[in-house]
Amino acid sequence: MKIILLRRKLLAVLACALAAAAMFYVVNYPEAVSAAASKRQLPIYCVQRDQKMVSISFDAAWGNEDTQQLIDILGQYQIKATFFVVGEWVDKYPESVKALHDAGHEIMNHSNTHAHYNSLSTDEIIADVNACNDKIEAITGVRPTLIRCPYGEYDDHVIAAIRSIGMEPIQWDVDDSQTASRPWGARDSG
């Protein structure tokens, strides 16, 4: 009689384990298929380096009243930064773009009109990016290879559109705009 009871208990435990495994599978199956079927495209957030380094970047979309002061401060500490500029800012302040470039800073793309790229078609994104690239290149002689998407917004089609023209999307991984005042006209949240 004891042997029969042990077998029933063992069968009950096995049945419970199988039921739990089946429930886990049913609940998680759509996620597993989704993750395996498509890999989300992401911008570059950081780059692994052997040395301790920090990359400083600024978004330029509005005023330029502090640009020369910023150039002077960065120069005083021998710091080079990357400036992601909006094409409309380049139109308004070409002398600031030239001054930043002449001081040895990188000038990269932050869109032409600061549009919401997630709501644009691939062709519209490419046209906007190229319009800004053309403006920067006309002043600096260097065509941008990096872009920071406006508002920090992106999805797979935005990233694919940008990469289709040989550029890399860059995203910040530390944003102090919520905790500290930003000293240089970058009122943009992305």
N, C-alpha and C. Protein backbone atom coordinates (compact mmCIF):
# COMPACT_ATOMS: atom_id res chain seq x y z
N MET A 1 0.81 -1.19 0.00
CA MET A 1 0.00 0.00 0.00
C MET A 1 0.86 1.27 0.00
N LYS A 2 2.00 1.23 0.67
CA LYS A 2 2.89 2.39 0.70
C LYS A 2 3.46 2.69 -0.68
N ILE A 3 3.77 1.69 -1.42
CA ILE A 3 4.34 1.88 -2.76
C ILE A 3 3.33 2.59 -3.66
N ILE A 4 2.10 2.23 -3.59
CA ILE A 4 1.06 2.88 -4.39
C ILE A 4 0.91 4.34 -4.00
N LEU A 5 0.96 4.68 -2.71
CA LEU A 5 0.84 6.06 -2.25
C LEU A 5 2.02 6.89 -2.72
N LEU A 6 3.21 6.36 -2.66
CA LEU A 6 4.37 7.09 -3.14
C LEU A 6 4.25 7.36 -4.64
N ARG A 7 3.79 6.41 -5.37
CA ARG A 7 3.63 6.60 -6.81
C ARG A 7 2.58 7.67 -7.09
N ARG A 8 1.49 7.67 -6.34
CA ARG A 8 0.47 8.71 -6.55
C ARG A 8 1.02 10.08 -6.19
N LYS A 9 1.77 10.17 -5.11
CA LYS A 9 2.38 11.45 -4.73
C LYS A 9 3.39 11.89 -5.80
N LEU A 10 4.19 10.97 -6.25
CA LEU A 10 5.17 11.29 -7.29
C LEU A 10 4.48 11.75 -8.57
N LEU A 11 3.41 11.04 -8.93
CA LEU A 11 2.64 11.44 -10.13
C LEU A 11 2.02 12.82 -9.93
N ALA A 12 1.53 13.11 -8.75
CA ALA A 12 0.93 14.41 -8.47
C ALA A 12 1.98 15.51 -8.56
N VAL A 13 3.17 15.27 -8.01
CA VAL A 13 4.26 16.26 -8.07
C VAL A 13 4.68 16.48 -9.52
N LEU A 14 4.84 15.42 -10.26
CA LEU A 14 5.20 15.54 -11.67
C LEU A 14 4.13 16.28 -12.47
N ALA A 15 2.87 15.99 -12.20
CA ALA A 15 1.77 16.66 -12.89
C ALA A 15 1.78 18.15 -12.58
N CYS A 16 2.03 18.51 -11.31
CA CYS A 16 2.10 19.93 -10.93
C CYS A 16 3.28 20.61 -11.62
N ALA A 17 4.42 19.93 -11.66
CA ALA A 17 5.60 20.50 -12.31
C ALA A 17 5.35 20.72 -13.80
N LEU A 18 4.73 19.75 -14.45
CA LEU A 18 4.41 19.89 -15.87
C LEU A 18 3.40 21.01 -16.10
N ALA A 19 2.41 21.11 -15.23
CA ALA A 19 1.42 22.18 -15.35
C ALA A 19 2.09 23.54 -15.18
N ALA A 20 2.99 23.67 -14.21
CA ALA A 20 3.70 24.93 -14.00
C ALA A 20 4.56 25.27 -15.22
N ALA A 21 5.25 24.29 -15.75
CA ALA A 21 6.09 24.51 -16.94
C ALA A 21 5.23 24.92 -18.13
N ALA A 22 4.10 24.28 -18.28
CA ALA A 22 3.19 24.62 -19.39
C ALA A 22 2.67 26.04 -19.24
N MET A 23 2.29 26.44 -18.02
CA MET A 23 1.81 27.80 -17.79
C MET A 23 2.92 28.82 -18.07
N PHE A 24 4.13 28.54 -17.61
CA PHE A 24 5.26 29.43 -17.87
C PHE A 24 5.49 29.58 -19.37
N TYR A 25 5.43 28.48 -20.09
CA TYR A 25 5.64 28.49 -21.53
C TYR A 25 4.56 29.33 -22.23
N VAL A 26 3.30 29.09 -21.86
CA VAL A 26 2.19 29.81 -22.49
C VAL A 26 2.28 31.31 -22.22
N VAL A 27 2.62 31.68 -21.00
CA VAL A 27 2.71 33.09 -20.64
C VAL A 27 3.87 33.77 -21.34
N ASN A 28 5.00 33.10 -21.45
CA ASN A 28 6.21 33.72 -21.99
C ASN A 28 6.45 33.45 -23.47
N TYR A 29 5.71 32.59 -24.10
CA TYR A 29 5.94 32.24 -25.49
C TYR A 29 5.91 33.44 -26.43
N PRO A 30 4.90 34.35 -26.35
CA PRO A 30 4.90 35.49 -27.27
C PRO A 30 6.14 36.36 -27.13
N GLU A 31 6.65 36.54 -25.91
CA GLU A 31 7.84 37.35 -25.69
C GLU A 31 9.06 36.68 -26.30
N ALA A 32 9.17 35.38 -26.13
CA ALA A 32 10.32 34.65 -26.66
C ALA A 32 10.32 34.71 -28.19
N VAL A 33 9.16 34.52 -28.80
CA VAL A 33 9.07 34.59 -30.25
C VAL A 33 9.38 35.99 -30.73
N SER A 34 8.83 37.01 -30.06
CA SER A 34 9.06 38.39 -30.45
C SER A 34 10.53 38.75 -30.36
N ALA A 35 11.19 38.36 -29.28
CA ALA A 35 12.61 38.68 -29.10
C ALA A 35 13.45 37.96 -30.13
N ALA A 36 13.11 36.74 -30.46
CA ALA A 36 13.89 35.97 -31.42
C ALA A 36 13.63 36.44 -32.85
N ALA A 37 12.41 36.87 -33.14
CA ALA A 37 12.04 37.23 -34.50
C ALA A 37 12.66 38.55 -34.95
N SER A 38 12.80 39.50 -34.04
CA SER A 38 13.35 40.79 -34.45
C SER A 38 14.21 41.36 -33.34
N LYS A 39 15.34 41.90 -33.75
CA LYS A 39 16.22 42.53 -32.79
C LYS A 39 16.04 44.04 -32.93
N ARG A 40 15.72 44.70 -31.84
CA ARG A 40 15.49 46.14 -31.86
C ARG A 40 16.78 46.87 -32.20
N GLN A 41 16.68 47.84 -33.09
CA GLN A 41 17.84 48.65 -33.44
C GLN A 41 17.98 49.78 -32.43
N LEU A 42 19.19 50.00 -31.96
CA LEU A 42 19.45 51.02 -30.95
C LEU A 42 20.56 51.96 -31.41
N PRO A 43 20.50 53.20 -30.95
CA PRO A 43 21.62 54.11 -31.21
C PRO A 43 22.79 53.74 -30.30
N ILE A 44 23.91 54.40 -30.51
CA ILE A 44 25.07 54.21 -29.64
C ILE A 44 24.85 55.03 -28.38
N TYR A 45 24.90 54.38 -27.24
CA TYR A 45 24.78 55.06 -25.95
C TYR A 45 26.15 55.31 -25.32
N CYS A 46 27.05 54.37 -25.46
CA CYS A 46 28.39 54.51 -24.91
C CYS A 46 29.31 53.58 -25.68
N VAL A 47 30.60 53.83 -25.53
CA VAL A 47 31.61 53.03 -26.21
C VAL A 47 32.58 52.52 -25.15
N GLN A 48 32.80 51.22 -25.14
CA GLN A 48 33.72 50.63 -24.18
C GLN A 48 35.15 51.03 -24.51
N ARG A 49 35.86 51.55 -23.52
CA ARG A 49 37.26 51.96 -23.69
C ARG A 49 38.09 51.38 -22.56
N ASP A 50 39.37 51.15 -22.81
CA ASP A 50 40.28 50.68 -21.77
C ASP A 50 40.63 51.81 -20.80
N GLN A 51 40.75 53.03 -21.33
CA GLN A 51 41.08 54.17 -20.49
C GLN A 51 39.81 54.75 -19.86
N LYS A 52 39.99 55.44 -18.75
CA LYS A 52 38.86 56.16 -18.16
C LYS A 52 38.68 57.45 -18.96
N MET A 53 37.52 57.58 -19.58
CA MET A 53 37.26 58.73 -20.44
C MET A 53 35.82 59.16 -20.29
N VAL A 54 35.57 60.38 -20.67
CA VAL A 54 34.21 60.88 -20.73
C VAL A 54 34.08 61.64 -22.06
N SER A 55 32.94 61.55 -22.64
CA SER A 55 32.66 62.28 -23.87
C SER A 55 31.65 63.36 -23.55
N ILE A 56 31.99 64.58 -23.89
CA ILE A 56 31.10 65.70 -23.60
C ILE A 56 30.45 66.15 -24.90
N SER A 57 29.15 66.31 -24.85
CA SER A 57 28.45 66.79 -26.04
C SER A 57 27.41 67.81 -25.64
N PHE A 58 27.07 68.65 -26.60
CA PHE A 58 26.08 69.70 -26.41
C PHE A 58 25.12 69.66 -27.60
N ASP A 59 23.88 69.98 -27.35
CA ASP A 59 22.90 70.14 -28.42
C ASP A 59 22.67 71.63 -28.62
N ALA A 60 22.78 72.08 -29.84
CA ALA A 60 22.58 73.50 -30.15
C ALA A 60 21.35 73.63 -31.03
N ALA A 61 20.29 74.17 -30.43
CA ALA A 61 19.05 74.33 -31.18
C ALA A 61 18.46 75.74 -31.03
N TRP A 62 18.91 76.45 -30.02
CA TRP A 62 18.35 77.78 -29.79
C TRP A 62 19.48 78.80 -29.72
N GLY A 63 19.44 79.75 -28.84
CA GLY A 63 20.38 80.87 -28.78
C GLY A 63 21.85 80.52 -28.82
N ASN A 64 22.68 81.55 -29.08
CA ASN A 64 24.14 81.37 -29.13
C ASN A 64 24.87 82.37 -28.24
N GLU A 65 24.16 83.01 -27.33
CA GLU A 65 24.74 84.09 -26.54
C GLU A 65 25.93 83.67 -25.68
N ASP A 66 26.04 82.41 -25.34
CA ASP A 66 27.14 81.94 -24.49
C ASP A 66 28.16 81.09 -25.25
N THR A 67 28.05 81.04 -26.55
CA THR A 67 28.91 80.15 -27.33
C THR A 67 30.39 80.49 -27.14
N GLN A 68 30.76 81.77 -27.26
CA GLN A 68 32.18 82.12 -27.14
C GLN A 68 32.70 81.85 -25.73
N GLN A 69 31.88 82.12 -24.73
CA GLN A 69 32.29 81.82 -23.36
C GLN A 69 32.52 80.32 -23.19
N LEU A 70 31.66 79.51 -23.76
CA LEU A 70 31.82 78.05 -23.69
C LEU A 70 33.08 77.61 -24.42
N ILE A 71 33.35 78.17 -25.58
CA ILE A 71 34.58 77.86 -26.31
C ILE A 71 35.79 78.21 -25.45
N ASP A 72 35.75 79.36 -24.80
CA ASP A 72 36.87 79.79 -23.96
C ASP A 72 37.08 78.86 -22.77
N ILE A 73 36.00 78.47 -22.10
CA ILE A 73 36.11 77.57 -20.94
C ILE A 73 36.66 76.21 -21.36
N LEU A 74 36.13 75.65 -22.43
CA LEU A 74 36.62 74.36 -22.92
C LEU A 74 38.09 74.47 -23.32
N GLY A 75 38.46 75.57 -23.95
CA GLY A 75 39.85 75.78 -24.35
C GLY A 75 40.78 75.92 -23.16
N GLN A 76 40.32 76.59 -22.12
CA GLN A 76 41.12 76.78 -20.90
C GLN A 76 41.52 75.43 -20.30
N TYR A 77 40.63 74.45 -20.39
CA TYR A 77 40.90 73.12 -19.82
C TYR A 77 41.30 72.10 -20.87
N GLN A 78 41.56 72.58 -22.08
CA GLN A 78 41.97 71.73 -23.20
C GLN A 78 40.99 70.56 -23.41
N ILE A 79 39.72 70.89 -23.42
CA ILE A 79 38.66 69.90 -23.60
C ILE A 79 38.06 70.07 -24.99
N LYS A 80 37.92 68.98 -25.68
CA LYS A 80 37.23 68.97 -26.96
C LYS A 80 35.87 68.32 -26.75
N ALA A 81 34.87 68.87 -27.39
CA ALA A 81 33.51 68.37 -27.24
C ALA A 81 32.89 68.17 -28.61
N THR A 82 31.76 67.49 -28.61
CA THR A 82 30.98 67.31 -29.83
C THR A 82 29.72 68.16 -29.70
N PHE A 83 29.46 68.96 -30.70
CA PHE A 83 28.28 69.81 -30.73
C PHE A 83 27.32 69.28 -31.78
N PHE A 84 26.15 68.86 -31.33
CA PHE A 84 25.09 68.40 -32.22
C PHE A 84 24.21 69.61 -32.52
N VAL A 85 24.27 70.08 -33.77
CA VAL A 85 23.59 71.34 -34.12
C VAL A 85 22.40 71.09 -35.04
N VAL A 86 21.39 71.90 -34.86
CA VAL A 86 20.20 71.88 -35.70
C VAL A 86 20.47 72.78 -36.91
N GLY A 87 20.04 72.36 -38.07
CA GLY A 87 20.27 73.14 -39.29
C GLY A 87 19.75 74.56 -39.21
N GLU A 88 18.61 74.76 -38.57
CA GLU A 88 18.07 76.12 -38.41
C GLU A 88 19.01 76.97 -37.55
N TRP A 89 19.68 76.35 -36.58
CA TRP A 89 20.67 77.05 -35.74
C TRP A 89 21.88 77.42 -36.59
N VAL A 90 22.28 76.51 -37.47
CA VAL A 90 23.40 76.78 -38.38
C VAL A 90 23.06 77.97 -39.27
N ASP A 91 21.81 78.05 -39.76
CA ASP A 91 21.38 79.18 -40.59
C ASP A 91 21.48 80.50 -39.83
N LYS A 92 21.07 80.49 -38.56
CA LYS A 92 21.07 81.71 -37.75
C LYS A 92 22.46 82.11 -37.27
N TYR A 93 23.31 81.12 -36.98
CA TYR A 93 24.59 81.40 -36.33
C TYR A 93 25.77 80.72 -37.04
N PRO A 94 25.95 80.97 -38.32
CA PRO A 94 27.06 80.31 -39.02
C PRO A 94 28.42 80.66 -38.42
N GLU A 95 28.56 81.87 -37.90
CA GLU A 95 29.82 82.27 -37.29
C GLU A 95 30.12 81.45 -36.03
N SER A 96 29.09 81.03 -35.31
CA SER A 96 29.29 80.18 -34.13
C SER A 96 29.72 78.78 -34.55
N VAL A 97 29.13 78.27 -35.62
CA VAL A 97 29.52 76.95 -36.14
C VAL A 97 30.98 76.98 -36.53
N LYS A 98 31.40 78.03 -37.24
CA LYS A 98 32.79 78.16 -37.67
C LYS A 98 33.71 78.30 -36.46
N ALA A 99 33.32 79.09 -35.47
CA ALA A 99 34.15 79.28 -34.27
C ALA A 99 34.33 77.96 -33.51
N LEU A 100 33.26 77.19 -33.38
CA LEU A 100 33.35 75.88 -32.70
C LEU A 100 34.29 74.96 -33.47
N HIS A 101 34.11 74.92 -34.77
CA HIS A 101 34.97 74.07 -35.62
C HIS A 101 36.42 74.52 -35.54
N ASP A 102 36.66 75.82 -35.66
CA ASP A 102 38.03 76.36 -35.62
C ASP A 102 38.70 76.10 -34.28
N ALA A 103 37.91 75.97 -33.21
CA ALA A 103 38.46 75.67 -31.88
C ALA A 103 38.74 74.18 -31.71
N GLY A 104 38.45 73.38 -32.74
CA GLY A 104 38.77 71.96 -32.71
C GLY A 104 37.66 71.05 -32.23
N HIS A 105 36.46 71.57 -32.10
CA HIS A 105 35.33 70.75 -31.65
C HIS A 105 34.67 70.08 -32.85
N GLU A 106 34.06 68.93 -32.60
CA GLU A 106 33.32 68.24 -33.65
C GLU A 106 31.95 68.90 -33.81
N ILE A 107 31.53 69.06 -35.04
CA ILE A 107 30.20 69.59 -35.33
C ILE A 107 29.43 68.47 -36.01
N MET A 108 28.39 68.01 -35.34
CA MET A 108 27.59 66.91 -35.85
C MET A 108 26.13 67.32 -35.95
N ASN A 109 25.31 66.43 -36.44
CA ASN A 109 23.93 66.70 -36.83
C ASN A 109 22.95 66.45 -35.68
N HIS A 110 22.01 67.38 -35.53
CA HIS A 110 20.90 67.22 -34.57
C HIS A 110 19.57 67.46 -35.29
N SER A 111 19.55 67.23 -36.60
CA SER A 111 18.41 67.38 -37.49
C SER A 111 18.43 68.77 -38.12
N ASN A 112 17.63 68.94 -39.13
CA ASN A 112 17.55 70.26 -39.77
C ASN A 112 16.50 71.14 -39.11
N THR A 113 15.38 70.53 -38.71
CA THR A 113 14.25 71.33 -38.20
C THR A 113 13.80 70.93 -36.80
N HIS A 114 14.49 70.01 -36.17
CA HIS A 114 14.14 69.48 -34.84
C HIS A 114 12.74 68.86 -34.85
N ALA A 115 12.49 68.06 -35.87
CA ALA A 115 11.19 67.39 -36.03
C ALA A 115 11.14 66.12 -35.19
N HIS A 116 9.96 65.61 -35.01
CA HIS A 116 9.75 64.32 -34.34
C HIS A 116 9.95 63.23 -35.39
N TYR A 117 11.14 62.63 -35.42
CA TYR A 117 11.48 61.65 -36.45
C TYR A 117 10.59 60.42 -36.44
N ASN A 118 10.08 60.02 -35.29
CA ASN A 118 9.22 58.84 -35.25
C ASN A 118 7.97 59.00 -36.10
N SER A 119 7.56 60.24 -36.35
CA SER A 119 6.34 60.46 -37.13
C SER A 119 6.64 60.76 -38.60
N LEU A 120 7.91 60.72 -39.00
CA LEU A 120 8.28 61.00 -40.39
C LEU A 120 8.53 59.70 -41.16
N SER A 121 8.40 59.78 -42.46
CA SER A 121 8.73 58.64 -43.32
C SER A 121 10.25 58.53 -43.44
N THR A 122 10.72 57.42 -43.94
CA THR A 122 12.15 57.22 -44.15
C THR A 122 12.71 58.31 -45.06
N ASP A 123 12.03 58.61 -46.16
CA ASP A 123 12.50 59.63 -47.09
C ASP A 123 12.55 61.01 -46.44
N GLU A 124 11.57 61.33 -45.60
CA GLU A 124 11.57 62.62 -44.90
C GLU A 124 12.72 62.73 -43.91
N ILE A 125 13.00 61.65 -43.21
CA ILE A 125 14.12 61.64 -42.27
C ILE A 125 15.43 61.86 -43.02
N ILE A 126 15.63 61.12 -44.08
CA ILE A 126 16.87 61.23 -44.86
C ILE A 126 17.03 62.64 -45.42
N ALA A 127 15.96 63.22 -45.93
CA ALA A 127 16.02 64.58 -46.48
C ALA A 127 16.38 65.59 -45.38
N ASP A 128 15.79 65.44 -44.21
CA ASP A 128 16.06 66.35 -43.10
C ASP A 128 17.52 66.23 -42.65
N VAL A 129 17.99 65.01 -42.50
CA VAL A 129 19.38 64.77 -42.07
C VAL A 129 20.35 65.34 -43.10
N ASN A 130 20.12 65.06 -44.37
CA ASN A 130 21.03 65.54 -45.41
C ASN A 130 21.02 67.06 -45.52
N ALA A 131 19.88 67.70 -45.31
CA ALA A 131 19.82 69.16 -45.36
C ALA A 131 20.73 69.76 -44.30
N CYS A 132 20.69 69.21 -43.10
CA CYS A 132 21.57 69.70 -42.02
C CYS A 132 23.02 69.38 -42.34
N ASN A 133 23.30 68.17 -42.81
CA ASN A 133 24.67 67.80 -43.17
C ASN A 133 25.26 68.76 -44.20
N ASP A 134 24.44 69.12 -45.20
CA ASP A 134 24.91 70.04 -46.25
C ASP A 134 25.30 71.39 -45.66
N LYS A 135 24.50 71.89 -44.73
CA LYS A 135 24.78 73.20 -44.11
C LYS A 135 26.06 73.16 -43.29
N ILE A 136 26.23 72.10 -42.52
CA ILE A 136 27.44 71.97 -41.69
C ILE A 136 28.67 71.85 -42.58
N GLU A 137 28.58 71.01 -43.60
CA GLU A 137 29.71 70.80 -44.50
C GLU A 137 30.09 72.08 -45.24
N ALA A 138 29.10 72.88 -45.61
CA ALA A 138 29.38 74.13 -46.31
C ALA A 138 30.21 75.09 -45.45
N ILE A 139 30.05 75.04 -44.15
CA ILE A 139 30.79 75.94 -43.26
C ILE A 139 32.11 75.33 -42.78
N THR A 140 32.10 74.05 -42.44
CA THR A 140 33.28 73.42 -41.83
C THR A 140 34.15 72.66 -42.82
N GLY A 141 33.57 72.28 -43.96
CA GLY A 141 34.30 71.44 -44.90
C GLY A 141 34.29 69.96 -44.51
N VAL A 142 33.58 69.63 -43.43
CA VAL A 142 33.51 68.26 -42.93
C VAL A 142 32.05 67.81 -42.90
N ARG A 143 31.78 66.68 -43.51
CA ARG A 143 30.41 66.14 -43.51
C ARG A 143 30.20 65.32 -42.23
N PRO A 144 29.14 65.60 -41.48
CA PRO A 144 28.88 64.85 -40.24
C PRO A 144 28.68 63.35 -40.48
N THR A 145 29.11 62.57 -39.52
CA THR A 145 28.93 61.12 -39.56
C THR A 145 28.05 60.63 -38.41
N LEU A 146 27.71 61.55 -37.50
CA LEU A 146 26.91 61.21 -36.33
C LEU A 146 25.69 62.11 -36.28
N ILE A 147 24.62 61.59 -35.68
CA ILE A 147 23.42 62.39 -35.46
C ILE A 147 22.83 62.03 -34.10
N ARG A 148 22.36 63.06 -33.42
CA ARG A 148 21.57 62.84 -32.21
C ARG A 148 20.13 63.19 -32.59
N CYS A 149 19.24 62.22 -32.50
CA CYS A 149 17.85 62.44 -32.90
C CYS A 149 17.18 63.46 -31.98
N PRO A 150 16.37 64.33 -32.58
CA PRO A 150 15.66 65.32 -31.77
C PRO A 150 14.80 64.66 -30.69
N TYR A 151 14.77 65.27 -29.54
CA TYR A 151 13.98 64.80 -28.38
C TYR A 151 14.44 63.43 -27.87
N GLY A 152 15.50 62.90 -28.42
CA GLY A 152 15.94 61.56 -28.04
C GLY A 152 15.01 60.48 -28.55
N GLU A 153 14.15 60.82 -29.49
CA GLU A 153 13.17 59.86 -30.02
C GLU A 153 13.77 59.05 -31.15
N TYR A 154 13.49 57.77 -31.13
CA TYR A 154 13.88 56.91 -32.23
C TYR A 154 13.08 55.62 -32.15
N ASP A 155 12.98 54.96 -33.27
CA ASP A 155 12.44 53.61 -33.35
C ASP A 155 13.23 52.90 -34.44
N ASP A 156 12.88 51.67 -34.75
CA ASP A 156 13.65 50.91 -35.73
C ASP A 156 13.73 51.60 -37.08
N HIS A 157 12.62 52.20 -37.52
CA HIS A 157 12.66 52.80 -38.86
C HIS A 157 13.52 54.06 -38.87
N VAL A 158 13.58 54.80 -37.78
CA VAL A 158 14.44 55.99 -37.69
C VAL A 158 15.91 55.56 -37.75
N ILE A 159 16.27 54.58 -36.93
CA ILE A 159 17.66 54.11 -36.90
C ILE A 159 18.06 53.54 -38.26
N ALA A 160 17.17 52.77 -38.88
CA ALA A 160 17.47 52.18 -40.19
C ALA A 160 17.65 53.28 -41.25
N ALA A 161 16.82 54.31 -41.21
CA ALA A 161 16.94 55.41 -42.17
C ALA A 161 18.29 56.11 -42.02
N ILE A 162 18.68 56.39 -40.80
CA ILE A 162 19.95 57.08 -40.54
C ILE A 162 21.13 56.22 -40.98
N ARG A 163 21.09 54.96 -40.63
CA ARG A 163 22.20 54.07 -41.00
C ARG A 163 22.26 53.83 -42.51
N SER A 164 21.12 53.96 -43.20
CA SER A 164 21.10 53.73 -44.64
C SER A 164 21.92 54.77 -45.40
N ILE A 165 22.20 55.91 -44.77
CA ILE A 165 23.03 56.93 -45.42
C ILE A 165 24.43 57.00 -44.79
N GLY A 166 24.80 55.93 -44.08
CA GLY A 166 26.15 55.82 -43.56
C GLY A 166 26.44 56.61 -42.29
N MET A 167 25.40 56.99 -41.57
CA MET A 167 25.60 57.74 -40.32
C MET A 167 25.26 56.85 -39.13
N GLU A 168 25.75 57.23 -37.97
CA GLU A 168 25.44 56.52 -36.73
C GLU A 168 24.65 57.43 -35.80
N PRO A 169 23.54 56.92 -35.28
CA PRO A 169 22.78 57.69 -34.29
C PRO A 169 23.44 57.57 -32.92
N ILE A 170 23.52 58.69 -32.22
CA ILE A 170 24.15 58.77 -30.90
C ILE A 170 23.10 59.21 -29.89
N GLN A 171 23.13 58.59 -28.74
CA GLN A 171 22.20 58.95 -27.66
C GLN A 171 23.04 59.18 -26.41
N TRP A 172 22.58 60.02 -25.54
CA TRP A 172 23.30 60.27 -24.29
C TRP A 172 23.04 59.13 -23.32
N ASP A 173 23.98 58.92 -22.40
CA ASP A 173 23.73 57.93 -21.36
C ASP A 173 23.70 58.57 -19.98
N VAL A 174 24.05 59.84 -19.88
CA VAL A 174 23.89 60.61 -18.65
C VAL A 174 23.32 61.95 -19.06
N ASP A 175 22.24 62.35 -18.42
CA ASP A 175 21.60 63.63 -18.73
C ASP A 175 21.41 64.38 -17.43
N ASP A 176 22.16 65.46 -17.27
CA ASP A 176 22.05 66.22 -16.03
C ASP A 176 21.07 67.38 -16.15
N SER A 177 20.33 67.45 -17.23
CA SER A 177 19.43 68.59 -17.43
C SER A 177 18.32 68.65 -16.39
N GLN A 178 18.02 67.54 -15.75
CA GLN A 178 16.97 67.54 -14.73
C GLN A 178 17.49 67.97 -13.36
N THR A 179 18.81 67.91 -13.15
CA THR A 179 19.35 68.19 -11.83
C THR A 179 20.23 69.42 -11.79
N ALA A 180 20.68 69.89 -12.92
CA ALA A 180 21.56 71.06 -12.93
C ALA A 180 21.15 71.99 -14.06
N SER A 181 21.39 73.26 -13.87
CA SER A 181 21.07 74.19 -14.95
C SER A 181 22.10 73.99 -16.06
N ARG A 182 21.64 74.11 -17.28
CA ARG A 182 22.53 73.92 -18.41
C ARG A 182 23.06 75.30 -18.79
N PRO A 183 24.38 75.48 -18.72
CA PRO A 183 24.96 76.81 -18.87
C PRO A 183 24.96 77.35 -20.28
N TRP A 184 24.69 76.51 -21.27
CA TRP A 184 24.82 76.97 -22.64
C TRP A 184 23.56 76.73 -23.40
N GLY A 185 22.83 77.67 -23.82
CA GLY A 185 21.63 77.68 -24.58
C GLY A 185 20.98 76.39 -24.99
N ALA A 186 21.36 75.24 -24.47
CA ALA A 186 20.75 73.97 -24.86
C ALA A 186 19.55 73.69 -23.98
N ARG A 187 18.42 74.23 -24.36
CA ARG A 187 17.20 74.06 -23.57
C ARG A 187 16.45 72.81 -23.98
N ASP A 188 17.01 72.10 -24.94
CA ASP A 188 16.42 70.92 -25.52
C ASP A 188 16.51 69.75 -24.54
N SER A 189 15.47 68.94 -24.45
CA SER A 189 15.54 67.76 -23.60
C SER A 189 16.18 66.60 -24.32
N GLY A 190 16.65 66.79 -25.47
CA GLY A 190 17.30 65.70 -26.20
C GLY A 190 17.95 66.21 -27.35
